[in-house]
Amino acid sequence: MVACKTEEISNENFVHWTEKTDNQLQRLDEARIKYEIRDMEIWINEKDLDKAVVCCS
């Protein structure tokens, strides 16, 4: 029999966090918070919003 591999479906919702700065990126990286850069803005995973407020404000 051949085993089937199911792909993980991502239900992540990203929210706008702030303008992109090296300082903000460093803080997010140190806190291991997933983010995306969109048009020079930082977007973070909605589930990490409270964590980002604590580490990056």
Protein backbone atom coordinates (compact mmCIF):
# COMPACT_ATOMS: atom_id res chain seq x y z
CA MET A 1 0.00 0.00 0.00
CA VAL A 2 1.06 3.53 -0.65
CA ALA A 3 0.90 5.92 2.27
CA CYS A 4 -0.89 9.18 1.67
CA LYS A 5 0.60 12.43 2.85
CA THR A 6 -1.79 15.21 3.69
CA GLU A 7 -0.56 18.75 3.45
CA GLU A 8 -1.01 20.94 6.45
CA ILE A 9 -3.55 23.66 5.75
CA SER A 10 -2.67 27.01 7.25
CA ASN A 11 -5.46 29.00 8.87
CA GLU A 12 -3.18 31.77 10.03
CA ASN A 13 -4.57 35.27 10.09
CA PHE A 14 -2.09 38.10 9.96
CA VAL A 15 -2.79 41.58 11.31
CA HIS A 16 -0.92 44.83 10.72
CA TRP A 17 1.58 45.48 13.50
CA THR A 18 3.72 48.53 12.57
CA GLU A 19 6.02 50.05 10.01
CA LYS A 20 9.12 47.97 9.25
CA THR A 21 12.17 48.92 11.29
CA ASP A 22 15.28 46.90 12.12
CA ASN A 23 14.54 47.33 15.82
CA GLN A 24 11.04 45.85 15.51
CA LEU A 25 12.30 42.94 13.40
CA GLN A 26 15.00 42.16 15.94
CA ARG A 27 12.50 42.15 18.82
CA LEU A 28 10.09 39.90 16.93
CA ASP A 29 12.91 37.52 16.01
CA GLU A 30 14.14 37.36 19.61
CA ALA A 31 10.58 36.61 20.80
CA ARG A 32 10.20 34.01 18.03
CA ILE A 33 7.11 35.70 16.67
CA LYS A 34 6.21 34.84 13.09
CA TYR A 35 5.76 37.85 10.83
CA GLU A 36 5.50 38.90 7.20
CA ILE A 37 6.70 42.07 5.51
CA ARG A 38 4.13 43.64 3.19
CA ASP A 39 4.81 46.98 1.54
CA MET A 40 7.34 48.01 4.22
CA GLU A 41 4.90 47.11 7.02
CA ILE A 42 5.14 44.29 9.55
CA TRP A 43 2.21 41.89 9.78
CA ILE A 44 2.10 39.36 12.63
CA ASN A 45 0.07 36.25 13.24
CA GLU A 46 -3.11 37.23 15.05
CA LYS A 47 -2.54 34.53 17.69
CA ASP A 48 0.77 36.22 18.62
CA LEU A 49 -0.70 39.69 19.09
CA ASP A 50 -0.60 39.65 22.92
CA LYS A 51 2.96 38.28 22.87
CA ALA A 52 4.03 41.06 20.48
CA VAL A 53 2.50 43.75 22.68
CA VAL A 54 4.51 42.49 25.67
CA CYS A 55 7.86 42.19 23.89
CA CYS A 56 7.76 44.97 21.34
CA SER A 57 5.87 47.93 22.79
